[in-house]
Amino acid sequence: MKINWVGRCPQKTDNLVDPRGPLISFRPKDFRLFEHQGPLLADESLLLAKKVFGSKARFFFGSLSHAERKEAQRLLHRILDLGALDHLQLPNSASSGGTACRVPVRKGRCRG
């Protein structure tokens, strides 16, 4: 499984176009979009990859163990603060000078 995108500090706003859910946006410094160019999760964090593959869940951050939470924080810091994977981002993503990413959310899921 590849890391498609990483974001923190989401901002929810009303979705005037599609009433099924709010728009979620991120400040450019808090978002990276990789799509198909993203690294394998197992290469970046074996612990989190085991969590995802073991639970078959896409969104699981409410149920992380202490060790998994620390690993997720380390990975966020490495990707967002240190820019360790910036060379893999899509050229028009928010953190490379594009507009802020805004994705509608339905039933707790982000879609692009």
C-alpha atoms as a PDB file:
ATOM      1  CA  MET A   1       0.000   0.000   0.000  1.00  0.00           C
ATOM      2  CA  LYS A   2       1.397   3.376  -1.033  1.00  0.00           C
ATOM      3  CA  ILE A   3       1.113   6.607   0.894  1.00  0.00           C
ATOM      4  CA  ASN A   4      -1.240   8.657  -1.280  1.00  0.00           C
ATOM      5  CA  TRP A   5      -1.281  11.863   0.762  1.00  0.00           C
ATOM      6  CA  VAL A   6      -0.390  13.149   4.219  1.00  0.00           C
ATOM      7  CA  GLY A   7      -2.096  16.002   6.026  1.00  0.00           C
ATOM      8  CA  ARG A   8      -2.493  17.417   9.507  1.00  0.00           C
ATOM      9  CA  CYS A   9      -4.556  20.183  11.106  1.00  0.00           C
ATOM     10  CA  PRO A  10      -7.535  19.841   8.747  1.00  0.00           C
ATOM     11  CA  GLN A  11      -9.938  22.754   8.432  1.00  0.00           C
ATOM     12  CA  LYS A  12     -13.612  21.901   7.791  1.00  0.00           C
ATOM     13  CA  THR A  13     -15.883  24.313   5.928  1.00  0.00           C
ATOM     14  CA  ASP A  14     -19.410  24.011   4.573  1.00  0.00           C
ATOM     15  CA  ASN A  15     -19.616  22.442   1.144  1.00  0.00           C
ATOM     16  CA  LEU A  16     -21.942  24.669  -0.873  1.00  0.00           C
ATOM     17  CA  VAL A  17     -21.617  22.511  -4.002  1.00  0.00           C
ATOM     18  CA  ASP A  18     -22.173  19.053  -2.512  1.00  0.00           C
ATOM     19  CA  PRO A  19     -24.274  18.801   0.682  1.00  0.00           C
ATOM     20  CA  ARG A  20     -23.090  15.239   1.499  1.00  0.00           C
ATOM     21  CA  GLY A  21     -20.225  16.508   3.618  1.00  0.00           C
ATOM     22  CA  PRO A  22     -17.896  19.393   4.478  1.00  0.00           C
ATOM     23  CA  LEU A  23     -14.824  20.428   2.535  1.00  0.00           C
ATOM     24  CA  ILE A  24     -11.543  19.626   4.194  1.00  0.00           C
ATOM     25  CA  SER A  25      -8.551  21.866   3.511  1.00  0.00           C
ATOM     26  CA  PHE A  26      -4.995  22.016   4.791  1.00  0.00           C
ATOM     27  CA  ARG A  27      -2.450  24.774   5.021  1.00  0.00           C
ATOM     28  CA  PRO A  28       0.219  24.198   2.329  1.00  0.00           C
ATOM     29  CA  LYS A  29       2.896  23.412   4.912  1.00  0.00           C
ATOM     30  CA  ASP A  30       0.629  20.726   6.441  1.00  0.00           C
ATOM     31  CA  PHE A  31      -0.152  18.756   3.283  1.00  0.00           C
ATOM     32  CA  ARG A  32       1.733  16.597   0.794  1.00  0.00           C
ATOM     33  CA  LEU A  33       0.122  14.899  -2.221  1.00  0.00           C
ATOM     34  CA  PHE A  34       1.965  11.916  -3.686  1.00  0.00           C
ATOM     35  CA  GLU A  35      -0.754   9.929  -5.525  1.00  0.00           C
ATOM     36  CA  HIS A  36       0.932   7.081  -7.467  1.00  0.00           C
ATOM     37  CA  GLN A  37       4.425   8.427  -6.709  1.00  0.00           C
ATOM     38  CA  GLY A  38       4.083   7.852  -2.974  1.00  0.00           C
ATOM     39  CA  PRO A  39       6.360   5.472  -1.115  1.00  0.00           C
ATOM     40  CA  LEU A  40       5.187   2.149   0.266  1.00  0.00           C
ATOM     41  CA  LEU A  41       3.886   2.514   3.806  1.00  0.00           C
ATOM     42  CA  ALA A  42       5.847  -0.578   4.851  1.00  0.00           C
ATOM     43  CA  ASP A  43       9.089   1.107   3.722  1.00  0.00           C
ATOM     44  CA  GLU A  44       8.341   4.186   5.823  1.00  0.00           C
ATOM     45  CA  SER A  45       6.785   2.510   8.878  1.00  0.00           C
ATOM     46  CA  LEU A  46       6.485  -1.233   9.274  1.00  0.00           C
ATOM     47  CA  LEU A  47       4.544  -0.772  12.526  1.00  0.00           C
ATOM     48  CA  LEU A  48       1.838   1.368  10.885  1.00  0.00           C
ATOM     49  CA  ALA A  49       1.749  -0.876   7.816  1.00  0.00           C
ATOM     50  CA  LYS A  50       1.021  -3.857  10.064  1.00  0.00           C
ATOM     51  CA  LYS A  51      -1.795  -1.849  11.689  1.00  0.00           C
ATOM     52  CA  VAL A  52      -3.357  -1.023   8.321  1.00  0.00           C
ATOM     53  CA  PHE A  53      -2.925  -4.474   6.795  1.00  0.00           C
ATOM     54  CA  GLY A  54      -4.027  -6.232   9.981  1.00  0.00           C
ATOM     55  CA  SER A  55      -7.233  -4.235  10.381  1.00  0.00           C
ATOM     56  CA  LYS A  56      -7.977  -3.699   6.672  1.00  0.00           C
ATOM     57  CA  ALA A  57      -8.932  -0.148   7.626  1.00  0.00           C
ATOM     58  CA  ARG A  58      -8.034   3.017   5.761  1.00  0.00           C
ATOM     59  CA  PHE A  59      -8.670   5.338   8.708  1.00  0.00           C
ATOM     60  CA  PHE A  60      -7.637   4.097  12.111  1.00  0.00           C
ATOM     61  CA  PHE A  61      -5.977   6.942  13.976  1.00  0.00           C
ATOM     62  CA  GLY A  62      -8.528   6.902  16.782  1.00  0.00           C
ATOM     63  CA  SER A  63      -7.381   3.461  17.894  1.00  0.00           C
ATOM     64  CA  LEU A  64      -3.593   3.651  17.864  1.00  0.00           C
ATOM     65  CA  SER A  65      -1.489   2.148  20.609  1.00  0.00           C
ATOM     66  CA  HIS A  66       1.072   4.399  22.290  1.00  0.00           C
ATOM     67  CA  ALA A  67       3.855   2.984  20.089  1.00  0.00           C
ATOM     68  CA  GLU A  68       1.763   3.390  16.916  1.00  0.00           C
ATOM     69  CA  ARG A  69       0.872   6.977  17.836  1.00  0.00           C
ATOM     70  CA  LYS A  70       4.547   7.838  18.396  1.00  0.00           C
ATOM     71  CA  GLU A  71       5.430   6.248  15.054  1.00  0.00           C
ATOM     72  CA  ALA A  72       2.665   8.189  13.268  1.00  0.00           C
ATOM     73  CA  GLN A  73       3.918  11.445  14.847  1.00  0.00           C
ATOM     74  CA  ARG A  74       7.484  10.604  13.775  1.00  0.00           C
ATOM     75  CA  LEU A  75       6.322   9.933  10.230  1.00  0.00           C
ATOM     76  CA  LEU A  76       4.298  13.173  10.080  1.00  0.00           C
ATOM     77  CA  HIS A  77       7.295  15.129  11.360  1.00  0.00           C
ATOM     78  CA  ARG A  78       9.623  13.485   8.849  1.00  0.00           C
ATOM     79  CA  ILE A  79       7.293  14.103   5.894  1.00  0.00           C
ATOM     80  CA  LEU A  80       5.766  17.504   6.756  1.00  0.00           C
ATOM     81  CA  ASP A  81       8.401  19.262   8.869  1.00  0.00           C
ATOM     82  CA  LEU A  82      11.628  17.852   7.437  1.00  0.00           C
ATOM     83  CA  GLY A  83      10.394  17.447   3.849  1.00  0.00           C
ATOM     84  CA  ALA A  84      11.931  13.985   3.600  1.00  0.00           C
ATOM     85  CA  LEU A  85       9.647  12.945   0.726  1.00  0.00           C
ATOM     86  CA  ASP A  86       9.166  16.294  -1.023  1.00  0.00           C
ATOM     87  CA  HIS A  87      10.929  14.970  -4.117  1.00  0.00           C
ATOM     88  CA  LEU A  88       7.985  12.560  -4.613  1.00  0.00           C
ATOM     89  CA  GLN A  89       5.157  15.139  -4.505  1.00  0.00           C
ATOM     90  CA  LEU A  90       3.064  15.949  -7.502  1.00  0.00           C
ATOM     91  CA  PRO A  91       4.157  19.277  -9.015  1.00  0.00           C
ATOM     92  CA  ASN A  92       0.805  21.047  -8.519  1.00  0.00           C
ATOM     93  CA  SER A  93       0.217  20.002  -4.918  1.00  0.00           C
ATOM     94  CA  ALA A  94      -0.499  22.603  -2.249  1.00  0.00           C
ATOM     95  CA  SER A  95       2.910  22.507  -0.626  1.00  0.00           C
ATOM     96  CA  SER A  96       4.668  23.262  -3.910  1.00  0.00           C
ATOM     97  CA  GLY A  97       2.883  26.565  -4.400  1.00  0.00           C
ATOM     98  CA  GLY A  98      -0.507  25.401  -5.699  1.00  0.00           C
ATOM     99  CA  THR A  99      -3.816  26.108  -4.085  1.00  0.00           C
ATOM    100  CA  ALA A 100      -4.835  24.547  -0.800  1.00  0.00           C
ATOM    101  CA  CYS A 101      -6.139  21.017  -1.148  1.00  0.00           C
ATOM    102  CA  ARG A 102      -9.888  20.823  -0.647  1.00  0.00           C
ATOM    103  CA  VAL A 103     -11.568  17.441  -0.707  1.00  0.00           C
ATOM    104  CA  PRO A 104     -15.186  16.618   0.108  1.00  0.00           C
ATOM    105  CA  VAL A 105     -15.764  14.166   2.926  1.00  0.00           C
ATOM    106  CA  ARG A 106     -18.538  11.592   3.006  1.00  0.00           C
ATOM    107  CA  LYS A 107     -19.132   9.248   5.914  1.00  0.00           C
ATOM    108  CA  GLY A 108     -15.762  10.074   7.482  1.00  0.00           C
ATOM    109  CA  ARG A 109     -13.741   9.429   4.340  1.00  0.00           C
ATOM    110  CA  CYS A 110     -11.765  11.864   2.230  1.00  0.00           C
ATOM    111  CA  ARG A 111     -11.962  11.519  -1.491  1.00  0.00           C
ATOM    112  CA  GLY A 112      -9.903  13.290  -4.098  1.00  0.00           C
END
